Amino acid sequence: MTICQQALSDPASTGSDPGLKKLAAAVLGTQALTPQAEAARVQLFARGGWLTDTEATTPVSRSGWAQVDPTWPTMIRYAASDVLDTAALAQQLPPVPPAVLAREHAVQHLCARITHLGALSS
């Protein structure tokens, strides 16, 4: 069983989520695009003097996510690499068991409702 299947089957068993970039590097090796795209994004933020991890109290002028132009080639590659590595991982990893997939779809449906409708206040 892969770490993805294990995490989906029993989320508590694998600790924190390894994340797409680490998983892509582990499974796809030198074919993974996300590690290089992340490194380029980190360099871009450093050149701009911006922070990656920000808090609610971080001034917008310090947040790389707020300051970077999403149409810059570095950011386009950063966004596209996630999609491309996810597709490549789907080709490499064994299928998720149907019961686990059904559970994940149900949870995603509930989460999507929050995005579209907002959280209900009492």
PDB file of N, CA and C in Angstrom:
ATOM      1  N   MET A   1       0.853  -1.173   0.000  1.00  0.00           N
ATOM      2  CA  MET A   1       0.000   0.000   0.000  1.00  0.00           C
ATOM      3  C   MET A   1       0.901   1.240   0.000  1.00  0.00           C
ATOM      4  N   THR A   2       0.604   2.198  -0.877  1.00  0.00           N
ATOM      5  CA  THR A   2       1.394   3.424  -0.934  1.00  0.00           C
ATOM      6  C   THR A   2       1.020   4.334   0.225  1.00  0.00           C
ATOM      7  N   ILE A   3       1.845   5.352   0.450  1.00  0.00           N
ATOM      8  CA  ILE A   3       1.543   6.310   1.517  1.00  0.00           C
ATOM      9  C   ILE A   3       0.227   7.026   1.246  1.00  0.00           C
ATOM     10  N   CYS A   4      -0.095   7.268  -0.030  1.00  0.00           N
ATOM     11  CA  CYS A   4      -1.373   7.916  -0.365  1.00  0.00           C
ATOM     12  C   CYS A   4      -2.537   7.026   0.016  1.00  0.00           C
ATOM     13  N   GLN A   5      -2.466   5.766  -0.369  1.00  0.00           N
ATOM     14  CA  GLN A   5      -3.548   4.847  -0.031  1.00  0.00           C
ATOM     15  C   GLN A   5      -3.664   4.700   1.475  1.00  0.00           C
ATOM     16  N   GLN A   6      -2.518   4.600   2.161  1.00  0.00           N
ATOM     17  CA  GLN A   6      -2.534   4.466   3.611  1.00  0.00           C
ATOM     18  C   GLN A   6      -3.155   5.704   4.251  1.00  0.00           C
ATOM     19  N   ALA A   7      -2.770   6.884   3.788  1.00  0.00           N
ATOM     20  CA  ALA A   7      -3.303   8.120   4.356  1.00  0.00           C
ATOM     21  C   ALA A   7      -4.802   8.232   4.123  1.00  0.00           C
ATOM     22  N   LEU A   8      -5.271   7.813   2.946  1.00  0.00           N
ATOM     23  CA  LEU A   8      -6.704   7.873   2.673  1.00  0.00           C
ATOM     24  C   LEU A   8      -7.478   6.815   3.466  1.00  0.00           C
ATOM     25  N   SER A   9      -6.895   5.637   3.603  1.00  0.00           N
ATOM     26  CA  SER A   9      -7.571   4.564   4.322  1.00  0.00           C
ATOM     27  C   SER A   9      -7.612   4.819   5.816  1.00  0.00           C
ATOM     28  N   ASP A  10      -6.510   5.348   6.359  1.00  0.00           N
ATOM     29  CA  ASP A  10      -6.418   5.612   7.796  1.00  0.00           C
ATOM     30  C   ASP A  10      -5.597   6.878   7.982  1.00  0.00           C
ATOM     31  N   PRO A  11      -6.228   8.055   7.894  1.00  0.00           N
ATOM     32  CA  PRO A  11      -5.483   9.316   7.937  1.00  0.00           C
ATOM     33  C   PRO A  11      -4.585   9.471   9.162  1.00  0.00           C
ATOM     34  N   ALA A  12      -4.977   8.914  10.290  1.00  0.00           N
ATOM     35  CA  ALA A  12      -4.176   9.063  11.508  1.00  0.00           C
ATOM     36  C   ALA A  12      -2.885   8.248  11.461  1.00  0.00           C
ATOM     37  N   SER A  13      -2.792   7.278  10.562  1.00  0.00           N
ATOM     38  CA  SER A  13      -1.653   6.365  10.571  1.00  0.00           C
ATOM     39  C   SER A  13      -0.388   6.929   9.940  1.00  0.00           C
ATOM     40  N   THR A  14      -0.501   7.982   9.162  1.00  0.00           N
ATOM     41  CA  THR A  14       0.669   8.477   8.434  1.00  0.00           C
ATOM     42  C   THR A  14       1.187   9.800   8.957  1.00  0.00           C
ATOM     43  N   GLY A  15       0.653  10.293  10.034  1.00  0.00           N
ATOM     44  CA  GLY A  15       1.125  11.575  10.554  1.00  0.00           C
ATOM     45  C   GLY A  15       0.670  12.699   9.661  1.00  0.00           C
ATOM     46  N   SER A  16       1.492  13.734   9.560  1.00  0.00           N
ATOM     47  CA  SER A  16       1.094  14.877   8.752  1.00  0.00           C
ATOM     48  C   SER A  16       1.171  14.537   7.268  1.00  0.00           C
ATOM     49  N   ASP A  17       0.367  15.223   6.504  1.00  0.00           N
ATOM     50  CA  ASP A  17       0.293  15.024   5.058  1.00  0.00           C
ATOM     51  C   ASP A  17       1.652  15.318   4.428  1.00  0.00           C
ATOM     52  N   PRO A  18       2.189  14.392   3.620  1.00  0.00           N
ATOM     53  CA  PRO A  18       3.489  14.656   3.016  1.00  0.00           C
ATOM     54  C   PRO A  18       3.453  15.767   1.972  1.00  0.00           C
ATOM     55  N   GLY A  19       2.302  16.120   1.486  1.00  0.00           N
ATOM     56  CA  GLY A  19       2.184  17.188   0.503  1.00  0.00           C
ATOM     57  C   GLY A  19       2.535  16.721  -0.894  1.00  0.00           C
ATOM     58  N   LEU A  20       1.966  17.406  -1.858  1.00  0.00           N
ATOM     59  CA  LEU A  20       2.152  17.043  -3.266  1.00  0.00           C
ATOM     60  C   LEU A  20       3.615  17.099  -3.685  1.00  0.00           C
ATOM     61  N   LYS A  21       4.324  18.150  -3.298  1.00  0.00           N
ATOM     62  CA  LYS A  21       5.692  18.316  -3.773  1.00  0.00           C
ATOM     63  C   LYS A  21       6.607  17.200  -3.280  1.00  0.00           C
ATOM     64  N   LYS A  22       6.476  16.819  -2.020  1.00  0.00           N
ATOM     65  CA  LYS A  22       7.292  15.725  -1.488  1.00  0.00           C
ATOM     66  C   LYS A  22       6.872  14.387  -2.092  1.00  0.00           C
ATOM     67  N   LEU A  23       5.565  14.179  -2.237  1.00  0.00           N
ATOM     68  CA  LEU A  23       5.077  12.935  -2.814  1.00  0.00           C
ATOM     69  C   LEU A  23       5.518  12.813  -4.270  1.00  0.00           C
ATOM     70  N   ALA A  24       5.399  13.895  -5.026  1.00  0.00           N
ATOM     71  CA  ALA A  24       5.813  13.869  -6.431  1.00  0.00           C
ATOM     72  C   ALA A  24       7.297  13.533  -6.546  1.00  0.00           C
ATOM     73  N   ALA A  25       8.110  14.144  -5.699  1.00  0.00           N
ATOM     74  CA  ALA A  25       9.548  13.858  -5.732  1.00  0.00           C
ATOM     75  C   ALA A  25       9.821  12.397  -5.401  1.00  0.00           C
ATOM     76  N   ALA A  26       9.098  11.850  -4.414  1.00  0.00           N
ATOM     77  CA  ALA A  26       9.328  10.465  -4.004  1.00  0.00           C
ATOM     78  C   ALA A  26       8.874   9.465  -5.064  1.00  0.00           C
ATOM     79  N   VAL A  27       7.731   9.727  -5.680  1.00  0.00           N
ATOM     80  CA  VAL A  27       7.163   8.767  -6.635  1.00  0.00           C
ATOM     81  C   VAL A  27       7.682   8.990  -8.054  1.00  0.00           C
ATOM     82  N   LEU A  28       7.763  10.240  -8.467  1.00  0.00           N
ATOM     83  CA  LEU A  28       8.124  10.540  -9.853  1.00  0.00           C
ATOM     84  C   LEU A  28       9.629  10.757 -10.048  1.00  0.00           C
ATOM     85  N   GLY A  29      10.342  10.948  -8.958  1.00  0.00           N
ATOM     86  CA  GLY A  29      11.785  11.156  -9.045  1.00  0.00           C
ATOM     87  C   GLY A  29      12.140  12.377  -9.862  1.00  0.00           C
ATOM     88  N   THR A  30      13.055  12.207 -10.787  1.00  0.00           N
ATOM     89  CA  THR A  30      13.534  13.341 -11.584  1.00  0.00           C
ATOM     90  C   THR A  30      12.473  13.861 -12.562  1.00  0.00           C
ATOM     91  N   GLN A  31      11.401  13.116 -12.747  1.00  0.00           N
ATOM     92  CA  GLN A  31      10.322  13.563 -13.634  1.00  0.00           C
ATOM     93  C   GLN A  31       9.379  14.538 -12.942  1.00  0.00           C
ATOM     94  N   ALA A  32       9.469  14.666 -11.610  1.00  0.00           N
ATOM     95  CA  ALA A  32       8.597  15.573 -10.858  1.00  0.00           C
ATOM     96  C   ALA A  32       8.903  17.018 -11.224  1.00  0.00           C
ATOM     97  N   LEU A  33       7.869  17.803 -11.430  1.00  0.00           N
ATOM     98  CA  LEU A  33       8.024  19.210 -11.784  1.00  0.00           C
ATOM     99  C   LEU A  33       7.888  20.135 -10.577  1.00  0.00           C
ATOM    100  N   THR A  34       7.111  19.733  -9.597  1.00  0.00           N
ATOM    101  CA  THR A  34       6.802  20.625  -8.483  1.00  0.00           C
ATOM    102  C   THR A  34       8.006  21.008  -7.621  1.00  0.00           C
ATOM    103  N   PRO A  35       8.973  20.127  -7.355  1.00  0.00           N
ATOM    104  CA  PRO A  35      10.099  20.574  -6.524  1.00  0.00           C
ATOM    105  C   PRO A  35      10.874  21.744  -7.144  1.00  0.00           C
ATOM    106  N   GLN A  36      11.126  21.682  -8.446  1.00  0.00           N
ATOM    107  CA  GLN A  36      11.840  22.779  -9.102  1.00  0.00           C
ATOM    108  C   GLN A  36      10.984  24.046  -9.159  1.00  0.00           C
ATOM    109  N   ALA A  37       9.694  23.878  -9.384  1.00  0.00           N
ATOM    110  CA  ALA A  37       8.807  25.041  -9.432  1.00  0.00           C
ATOM    111  C   ALA A  37       8.719  25.709  -8.061  1.00  0.00           C
ATOM    112  N   GLU A  38       8.705  24.910  -7.008  1.00  0.00           N
ATOM    113  CA  GLU A  38       8.686  25.458  -5.649  1.00  0.00           C
ATOM    114  C   GLU A  38       9.990  26.193  -5.360  1.00  0.00           C
ATOM    115  N   ALA A  39      11.109  25.631  -5.756  1.00  0.00           N
ATOM    116  CA  ALA A  39      12.404  26.288  -5.542  1.00  0.00           C
ATOM    117  C   ALA A  39      12.458  27.639  -6.269  1.00  0.00           C
ATOM    118  N   ALA A  40      11.926  27.694  -7.484  1.00  0.00           N
ATOM    119  CA  ALA A  40      11.907  28.948  -8.249  1.00  0.00           C
ATOM    120  C   ALA A  40      10.995  29.972  -7.570  1.00  0.00           C
ATOM    121  N   ARG A  41       9.867  29.513  -7.032  1.00  0.00           N
ATOM    122  CA  ARG A  41       8.962  30.425  -6.319  1.00  0.00           C
ATOM    123  C   ARG A  41       9.638  30.977  -5.071  1.00  0.00           C
ATOM    124  N   VAL A  42      10.332  30.119  -4.331  1.00  0.00           N
ATOM    125  CA  VAL A  42      11.044  30.549  -3.124  1.00  0.00           C
ATOM    126  C   VAL A  42      12.074  31.624  -3.487  1.00  0.00           C
ATOM    127  N   GLN A  43      12.826  31.412  -4.567  1.00  0.00           N
ATOM    128  CA  GLN A  43      13.816  32.407  -5.009  1.00  0.00           C
ATOM    129  C   GLN A  43      13.150  33.724  -5.386  1.00  0.00           C
ATOM    130  N   LEU A  44      12.020  33.642  -6.079  1.00  0.00           N
ATOM    131  CA  LEU A  44      11.291  34.844  -6.474  1.00  0.00           C
ATOM    132  C   LEU A  44      10.847  35.634  -5.248  1.00  0.00           C
ATOM    133  N   PHE A  45      10.282  34.937  -4.269  1.00  0.00           N
ATOM    134  CA  PHE A  45       9.837  35.611  -3.049  1.00  0.00           C
ATOM    135  C   PHE A  45      11.029  36.225  -2.313  1.00  0.00           C
ATOM    136  N   ALA A  46      12.161  35.525  -2.281  1.00  0.00           N
ATOM    137  CA  ALA A  46      13.350  36.041  -1.610  1.00  0.00           C
ATOM    138  C   ALA A  46      13.852  37.309  -2.307  1.00  0.00           C
ATOM    139  N   ARG A  47      13.874  37.293  -3.648  1.00  0.00           N
ATOM    140  CA  ARG A  47      14.301  38.490  -4.391  1.00  0.00           C
ATOM    141  C   ARG A  47      13.390  39.674  -4.104  1.00  0.00           C
ATOM    142  N   GLY A  48      12.102  39.399  -3.915  1.00  0.00           N
ATOM    143  CA  GLY A  48      11.148  40.465  -3.609  1.00  0.00           C
ATOM    144  C   GLY A  48      11.156  40.880  -2.139  1.00  0.00           C
ATOM    145  N   GLY A  49      11.859  40.096  -1.301  1.00  0.00           N
ATOM    146  CA  GLY A  49      11.866  40.388   0.133  1.00  0.00           C
ATOM    147  C   GLY A  49      10.543  40.054   0.794  1.00  0.00           C
ATOM    148  N   TRP A  50       9.846  39.083   0.214  1.00  0.00           N
ATOM    149  CA  TRP A  50       8.511  38.726   0.704  1.00  0.00           C
ATOM    150  C   TRP A  50       8.544  37.458   1.531  1.00  0.00           C
ATOM    151  N   LEU A  51       7.552  37.327   2.375  1.00  0.00           N
ATOM    152  CA  LEU A  51       7.386  36.134   3.203  1.00  0.00           C
ATOM    153  C   LEU A  51       6.490  35.126   2.499  1.00  0.00           C
ATOM    154  N   THR A  52       6.745  33.846   2.738  1.00  0.00           N
ATOM    155  CA  THR A  52       5.884  32.781   2.224  1.00  0.00           C
ATOM    156  C   THR A  52       4.807  32.460   3.250  1.00  0.00           C
ATOM    157  N   ASP A  53       5.248  32.193   4.473  1.00  0.00           N
ATOM    158  CA  ASP A  53       4.314  31.873   5.557  1.00  0.00           C
ATOM    159  C   ASP A  53       3.930  33.170   6.245  1.00  0.00           C
ATOM    160  N   THR A  54       2.662  33.510   6.158  1.00  0.00           N
ATOM    161  CA  THR A  54       2.217  34.773   6.748  1.00  0.00           C
ATOM    162  C   THR A  54       1.104  34.526   7.754  1.00  0.00           C
ATOM    163  N   GLU A  55       0.994  35.444   8.670  1.00  0.00           N
ATOM    164  CA  GLU A  55      -0.061  35.425   9.684  1.00  0.00           C
ATOM    165  C   GLU A  55      -1.058  36.520   9.346  1.00  0.00           C
ATOM    166  N   ALA A  56      -2.169  36.527  10.043  1.00  0.00           N
ATOM    167  CA  ALA A  56      -3.180  37.565   9.831  1.00  0.00           C
ATOM    168  C   ALA A  56      -2.606  38.951  10.122  1.00  0.00           C
ATOM    169  N   THR A  57      -1.584  39.007  10.972  1.00  0.00           N
ATOM    170  CA  THR A  57      -0.993  40.294  11.334  1.00  0.00           C
ATOM    171  C   THR A  57       0.123  40.740  10.388  1.00  0.00           C
ATOM    172  N   THR A  58       0.499  39.887   9.434  1.00  0.00           N
ATOM    173  CA  THR A  58       1.552  40.236   8.479  1.00  0.00           C
ATOM    174  C   THR A  58       1.041  41.326   7.547  1.00  0.00           C
ATOM    175  N   PRO A  59       1.793  42.403   7.411  1.00  0.00           N
ATOM    176  CA  PRO A  59       1.360  43.443   6.464  1.00  0.00           C
ATOM    177  C   PRO A  59       1.298  42.872   5.040  1.00  0.00           C
ATOM    178  N   VAL A  60       0.330  43.306   4.285  1.00  0.00           N
ATOM    179  CA  VAL A  60       0.165  42.832   2.909  1.00  0.00           C
ATOM    180  C   VAL A  60       1.441  43.071   2.107  1.00  0.00           C
ATOM    181  N   SER A  61       2.136  44.146   2.401  1.00  0.00           N
ATOM    182  CA  SER A  61       3.361  44.472   1.664  1.00  0.00           C
ATOM    183  C   SER A  61       4.476  43.447   1.884  1.00  0.00           C
ATOM    184  N   ARG A  62       4.376  42.613   2.930  1.00  0.00           N
ATOM    185  CA  ARG A  62       5.385  41.588   3.222  1.00  0.00           C
ATOM    186  C   ARG A  62       4.989  40.215   2.700  1.00  0.00           C
ATOM    187  N   SER A  63       3.743  40.036   2.313  1.00  0.00           N
ATOM    188  CA  SER A  63       3.254  38.735   1.863  1.00  0.00           C
ATOM    189  C   SER A  63       3.564  38.518   0.387  1.00  0.00           C
ATOM    190  N   GLY A  64       4.361  37.499   0.115  1.00  0.00           N
ATOM    191  CA  GLY A  64       4.655  37.181  -1.277  1.00  0.00           C
ATOM    192  C   GLY A  64       3.409  36.809  -2.052  1.00  0.00           C
ATOM    193  N   TRP A  65       2.496  36.133  -1.390  1.00  0.00           N
ATOM    194  CA  TRP A  65       1.267  35.696  -2.069  1.00  0.00           C
ATOM    195  C   TRP A  65       0.417  36.886  -2.478  1.00  0.00           C
ATOM    196  N   ALA A  66       0.481  37.966  -1.712  1.00  0.00           N
ATOM    197  CA  ALA A  66      -0.284  39.170  -2.046  1.00  0.00           C
ATOM    198  C   ALA A  66       0.451  40.038  -3.068  1.00  0.00           C
ATOM    199  N   GLN A  67       1.783  39.988  -3.046  1.00  0.00           N
ATOM    200  CA  GLN A  67       2.570  40.891  -3.884  1.00  0.00           C
ATOM    201  C   GLN A  67       2.921  40.340  -5.264  1.00  0.00           C
ATOM    202  N   VAL A  68       3.056  39.044  -5.380  1.00  0.00           N
ATOM    203  CA  VAL A  68       3.522  38.471  -6.642  1.00  0.00           C
ATOM    204  C   VAL A  68       2.459  38.613  -7.734  1.00  0.00           C
ATOM    205  N   ASP A  69       2.923  38.801  -8.943  1.00  0.00           N
ATOM    206  CA  ASP A  69       2.022  38.864 -10.093  1.00  0.00           C
ATOM    207  C   ASP A  69       1.787  37.428 -10.577  1.00  0.00           C
ATOM    208  N   PRO A  70       0.540  36.939 -10.505  1.00  0.00           N
ATOM    209  CA  PRO A  70       0.282  35.549 -10.888  1.00  0.00           C
ATOM    210  C   PRO A  70       0.506  35.264 -12.368  1.00  0.00           C
ATOM    211  N   THR A  71       0.698  36.299 -13.170  1.00  0.00           N
ATOM    212  CA  THR A  71       0.949  36.071 -14.598  1.00  0.00           C
ATOM    213  C   THR A  71       2.435  35.962 -14.913  1.00  0.00           C
ATOM    214  N   TRP A  72       3.301  36.136 -13.915  1.00  0.00           N
ATOM    215  CA  TRP A  72       4.739  35.966 -14.136  1.00  0.00           C
ATOM    216  C   TRP A  72       5.020  34.496 -14.447  1.00  0.00           C
ATOM    217  N   PRO A  73       5.965  34.236 -15.348  1.00  0.00           N
ATOM    218  CA  PRO A  73       6.263  32.852 -15.736  1.00  0.00           C
ATOM    219  C   PRO A  73       6.566  31.917 -14.556  1.00  0.00           C
ATOM    220  N   THR A  74       7.266  32.415 -13.556  1.00  0.00           N
ATOM    221  CA  THR A  74       7.576  31.571 -12.390  1.00  0.00           C
ATOM    222  C   THR A  74       6.294  31.088 -11.720  1.00  0.00           C
ATOM    223  N   MET A  75       5.314  31.966 -11.596  1.00  0.00           N
ATOM    224  CA  MET A  75       4.075  31.596 -10.916  1.00  0.00           C
ATOM    225  C   MET A  75       3.175  30.722 -11.800  1.00  0.00           C
ATOM    226  N   ILE A  76       3.230  30.937 -13.089  1.00  0.00           N
ATOM    227  CA  ILE A  76       2.471  30.067 -14.002  1.00  0.00           C
ATOM    228  C   ILE A  76       3.042  28.651 -13.953  1.00  0.00           C
ATOM    229  N   ARG A  77       4.377  28.540 -13.981  1.00  0.00           N
ATOM    230  CA  ARG A  77       4.999  27.216 -13.855  1.00  0.00           C
ATOM    231  C   ARG A  77       4.685  26.586 -12.505  1.00  0.00           C
ATOM    232  N   TYR A  78       4.683  27.410 -11.452  1.00  0.00           N
ATOM    233  CA  TYR A  78       4.373  26.911 -10.111  1.00  0.00           C
ATOM    234  C   TYR A  78       2.963  26.309 -10.081  1.00  0.00           C
ATOM    235  N   ALA A  79       1.995  27.018 -10.614  1.00  0.00           N
ATOM    236  CA  ALA A  79       0.608  26.529 -10.627  1.00  0.00           C
ATOM    237  C   ALA A  79       0.449  25.316 -11.539  1.00  0.00           C
ATOM    238  N   ALA A  80       1.036  25.377 -12.713  1.00  0.00           N
ATOM    239  CA  ALA A  80       0.890  24.276 -13.672  1.00  0.00           C
ATOM    240  C   ALA A  80       1.577  23.011 -13.186  1.00  0.00           C
ATOM    241  N   SER A  81       2.678  23.154 -12.448  1.00  0.00           N
ATOM    242  CA  SER A  81       3.403  21.971 -11.997  1.00  0.00           C
ATOM    243  C   SER A  81       2.556  21.121 -11.064  1.00  0.00           C
ATOM    244  N   ASP A  82       1.734  21.747 -10.248  1.00  0.00           N
ATOM    245  CA  ASP A  82       0.838  20.983  -9.369  1.00  0.00           C
ATOM    246  C   ASP A  82      -0.110  20.107 -10.189  1.00  0.00           C
ATOM    247  N   VAL A  83      -0.690  20.695 -11.215  1.00  0.00           N
ATOM    248  CA  VAL A  83      -1.639  19.965 -12.066  1.00  0.00           C
ATOM    249  C   VAL A  83      -0.939  18.828 -12.801  1.00  0.00           C
ATOM    250  N   LEU A  84       0.228  19.123 -13.368  1.00  0.00           N
ATOM    251  CA  LEU A  84       0.939  18.110 -14.144  1.00  0.00           C
ATOM    252  C   LEU A  84       1.444  16.968 -13.267  1.00  0.00           C
ATOM    253  N   ASP A  85       1.980  17.296 -12.091  1.00  0.00           N
ATOM    254  CA  ASP A  85       2.448  16.224 -11.206  1.00  0.00           C
ATOM    255  C   ASP A  85       1.284  15.415 -10.641  1.00  0.00           C
ATOM    256  N   THR A  86       0.163  16.062 -10.376  1.00  0.00           N
ATOM    257  CA  THR A  86      -1.012  15.316  -9.900  1.00  0.00           C
ATOM    258  C   THR A  86      -1.467  14.322 -10.965  1.00  0.00           C
ATOM    259  N   ALA A  87      -1.498  14.744 -12.216  1.00  0.00           N
ATOM    260  CA  ALA A  87      -1.883  13.842 -13.304  1.00  0.00           C
ATOM    261  C   ALA A  87      -0.881  12.696 -13.447  1.00  0.00           C
ATOM    262  N   ALA A  88       0.402  13.003 -13.322  1.00  0.00           N
ATOM    263  CA  ALA A  88       1.426  11.954 -13.426  1.00  0.00           C
ATOM    264  C   ALA A  88       1.319  10.975 -12.258  1.00  0.00           C
ATOM    265  N   LEU A  89       1.028  11.482 -11.061  1.00  0.00           N
ATOM    266  CA  LEU A  89       0.857  10.599  -9.904  1.00  0.00           C
ATOM    267  C   LEU A  89      -0.349   9.683 -10.094  1.00  0.00           C
ATOM    268  N   ALA A  90      -1.416  10.215 -10.667  1.00  0.00           N
ATOM    269  CA  ALA A  90      -2.612   9.397 -10.909  1.00  0.00           C
ATOM    270  C   ALA A  90      -2.294   8.230 -11.837  1.00  0.00           C
ATOM    271  N   GLN A  91      -1.364   8.426 -12.746  1.00  0.00           N
ATOM    272  CA  GLN A  91      -0.960   7.358 -13.663  1.00  0.00           C
ATOM    273  C   GLN A  91      -0.083   6.319 -12.960  1.00  0.00           C
ATOM    274  N   GLN A  92       0.680   6.747 -11.951  1.00  0.00           N
ATOM    275  CA  GLN A  92       1.661   5.875 -11.302  1.00  0.00           C
ATOM    276  C   GLN A  92       1.117   5.112 -10.099  1.00  0.00           C
ATOM    277  N   LEU A  93       0.220   5.741  -9.360  1.00  0.00           N
ATOM    278  CA  LEU A  93      -0.243   5.138  -8.112  1.00  0.00           C
ATOM    279  C   LEU A  93      -1.380   4.152  -8.369  1.00  0.00           C
ATOM    280  N   PRO A  94      -1.473   3.112  -7.553  1.00  0.00           N
ATOM    281  CA  PRO A  94      -2.592   2.175  -7.708  1.00  0.00           C
ATOM    282  C   PRO A  94      -3.915   2.868  -7.394  1.00  0.00           C
ATOM    283  N   PRO A  95      -5.010   2.333  -7.918  1.00  0.00           N
ATOM    284  CA  PRO A  95      -6.308   2.969  -7.665  1.00  0.00           C
ATOM    285  C   PRO A  95      -6.672   2.924  -6.182  1.00  0.00           C
ATOM    286  N   VAL A  96      -7.440   3.932  -5.787  1.00  0.00           N
ATOM    287  CA  VAL A  96      -7.921   4.010  -4.406  1.00  0.00           C
ATOM    288  C   VAL A  96      -9.118   3.058  -4.287  1.00  0.00           C
ATOM    289  N   PRO A  97      -9.201   2.296  -3.191  1.00  0.00           N
ATOM    290  CA  PRO A  97     -10.343   1.384  -3.021  1.00  0.00           C
ATOM    291  C   PRO A  97     -11.677   2.135  -3.109  1.00  0.00           C
ATOM    292  N   PRO A  98     -12.704   1.526  -3.728  1.00  0.00           N
ATOM    293  CA  PRO A  98     -13.986   2.209  -3.937  1.00  0.00           C
ATOM    294  C   PRO A  98     -14.619   2.783  -2.670  1.00  0.00           C
ATOM    295  N   ALA A  99     -14.551   2.072  -1.554  1.00  0.00           N
ATOM    296  CA  ALA A  99     -15.155   2.583  -0.313  1.00  0.00           C
ATOM    297  C   ALA A  99     -14.454   3.851   0.164  1.00  0.00           C
ATOM    298  N   VAL A 100     -13.143   3.876   0.037  1.00  0.00           N
ATOM    299  CA  VAL A 100     -12.378   5.062   0.446  1.00  0.00           C
ATOM    300  C   VAL A 100     -12.678   6.223  -0.497  1.00  0.00           C
ATOM    301  N   LEU A 101     -12.763   5.944  -1.783  1.00  0.00           N
ATOM    302  CA  LEU A 101     -13.074   6.964  -2.760  1.00  0.00           C
ATOM    303  C   LEU A 101     -14.463   7.558  -2.510  1.00  0.00           C
ATOM    304  N   ALA A 102     -15.432   6.722  -2.192  1.00  0.00           N
ATOM    305  CA  ALA A 102     -16.787   7.205  -1.895  1.00  0.00           C
ATOM    306  C   ALA A 102     -16.773   8.127  -0.687  1.00  0.00           C
ATOM    307  N   ARG A 103     -16.007   7.747   0.347  1.00  0.00           N
ATOM    308  CA  ARG A 103     -15.911   8.598   1.541  1.00  0.00           C
ATOM    309  C   ARG A 103     -15.286   9.950   1.189  1.00  0.00           C
ATOM    310  N   GLU A 104     -14.215   9.930   0.403  1.00  0.00           N
ATOM    311  CA  GLU A 104     -13.544  11.179   0.028  1.00  0.00           C
ATOM    312  C   GLU A 104     -14.467  12.076  -0.796  1.00  0.00           C
ATOM    313  N   HIS A 105     -15.241  11.488  -1.690  1.00  0.00           N
ATOM    314  CA  HIS A 105     -16.182  12.285  -2.487  1.00  0.00           C
ATOM    315  C   HIS A 105     -17.245  12.921  -1.593  1.00  0.00           C
ATOM    316  N   ALA A 106     -17.726  12.176  -0.618  1.00  0.00           N
ATOM    317  CA  ALA A 106     -18.732  12.720   0.310  1.00  0.00           C
ATOM    318  C   ALA A 106     -18.162  13.898   1.097  1.00  0.00           C
ATOM    319  N   VAL A 107     -16.949  13.765   1.575  1.00  0.00           N
ATOM    320  CA  VAL A 107     -16.319  14.850   2.343  1.00  0.00           C
ATOM    321  C   VAL A 107     -16.075  16.063   1.444  1.00  0.00           C
ATOM    322  N   GLN A 108     -15.599  15.833   0.228  1.00  0.00           N
ATOM    323  CA  GLN A 108     -15.361  16.959  -0.681  1.00  0.00           C
ATOM    324  C   GLN A 108     -16.661  17.670  -1.035  1.00  0.00           C
ATOM    325  N   HIS A 109     -17.750  16.909  -1.153  1.00  0.00           N
ATOM    326  CA  HIS A 109     -19.050  17.529  -1.425  1.00  0.00           C
ATOM    327  C   HIS A 109     -19.438  18.463  -0.286  1.00  0.00           C
ATOM    328  N   LEU A 110     -19.229  18.026   0.951  1.00  0.00           N
ATOM    329  CA  LEU A 110     -19.548  18.865   2.109  1.00  0.00           C
ATOM    330  C   LEU A 110     -18.657  20.106   2.145  1.00  0.00           C
ATOM    331  N   CYS A 111     -17.376  19.932   1.862  1.00  0.00           N
ATOM    332  CA  CYS A 111     -16.452  21.071   1.870  1.00  0.00           C
ATOM    333  C   CYS A 111     -16.796  22.061   0.762  1.00  0.00           C
ATOM    334  N   ALA A 112     -17.187  21.563  -0.398  1.00  0.00           N
ATOM    335  CA  ALA A 112     -17.545  22.444  -1.507  1.00  0.00           C
ATOM    336  C   ALA A 112     -18.779  23.275  -1.168  1.00  0.00           C
ATOM    337  N   ARG A 113     -19.702  22.703  -0.423  1.00  0.00           N
ATOM    338  CA  ARG A 113     -20.895  23.454  -0.017  1.00  0.00           C
ATOM    339  C   ARG A 113     -20.499  24.666   0.819  1.00  0.00           C
ATOM    340  N   ILE A 114     -19.498  24.510   1.682  1.00  0.00           N
ATOM    341  CA  ILE A 114     -19.049  25.632   2.503  1.00  0.00           C
ATOM    342  C   ILE A 114     -18.481  26.731   1.607  1.00  0.00           C
ATOM    343  N   THR A 115     -17.710  26.326   0.609  1.00  0.00           N
ATOM    344  CA  THR A 115     -17.127  27.297  -0.307  1.00  0.00           C
ATOM    345  C   THR A 115     -18.216  28.070  -1.038  1.00  0.00           C
ATOM    346  N   HIS A 116     -19.271  27.379  -1.450  1.00  0.00           N
ATOM    347  CA  HIS A 116     -20.320  28.032  -2.235  1.00  0.00           C
ATOM    348  C   HIS A 116     -21.351  28.754  -1.366  1.00  0.00           C
ATOM    349  N   LEU A 117     -21.643  28.208  -0.201  1.00  0.00           N
ATOM    350  CA  LEU A 117     -22.706  28.772   0.623  1.00  0.00           C
ATOM    351  C   LEU A 117     -22.212  29.525   1.864  1.00  0.00           C
ATOM    352  N   GLY A 118     -20.976  29.274   2.264  1.00  0.00           N
ATOM    353  CA  GLY A 118     -20.454  29.858   3.478  1.00  0.00           C
ATOM    354  C   GLY A 118     -20.848  29.048   4.688  1.00  0.00           C
ATOM    355  N   ALA A 119     -20.163  29.281   5.788  1.00  0.00           N
ATOM    356  CA  ALA A 119     -20.486  28.597   7.027  1.00  0.00           C
ATOM    357  C   ALA A 119     -21.708  29.260   7.648  1.00  0.00           C
ATOM    358  N   LEU A 120     -22.626  28.437   8.123  1.00  0.00           N
ATOM    359  CA  LEU A 120     -23.829  28.979   8.763  1.00  0.00           C
ATOM    360  C   LEU A 120     -23.475  29.556  10.112  1.00  0.00           C
ATOM    361  N   SER A 121     -23.981  30.719  10.412  1.00  0.00           N
ATOM    362  CA  SER A 121     -23.748  31.301  11.728  1.00  0.00           C
ATOM    363  C   SER A 121     -24.965  31.032  12.596  1.00  0.00           C
ATOM    364  N   SER A 122     -24.717  30.945  13.891  1.00  0.00           N
ATOM    365  CA  SER A 122     -25.847  30.666  14.797  1.00  0.00           C
ATOM    366  C   SER A 122     -26.337  31.900  15.479  1.00  0.00           C
TER     367      SER A 122
END
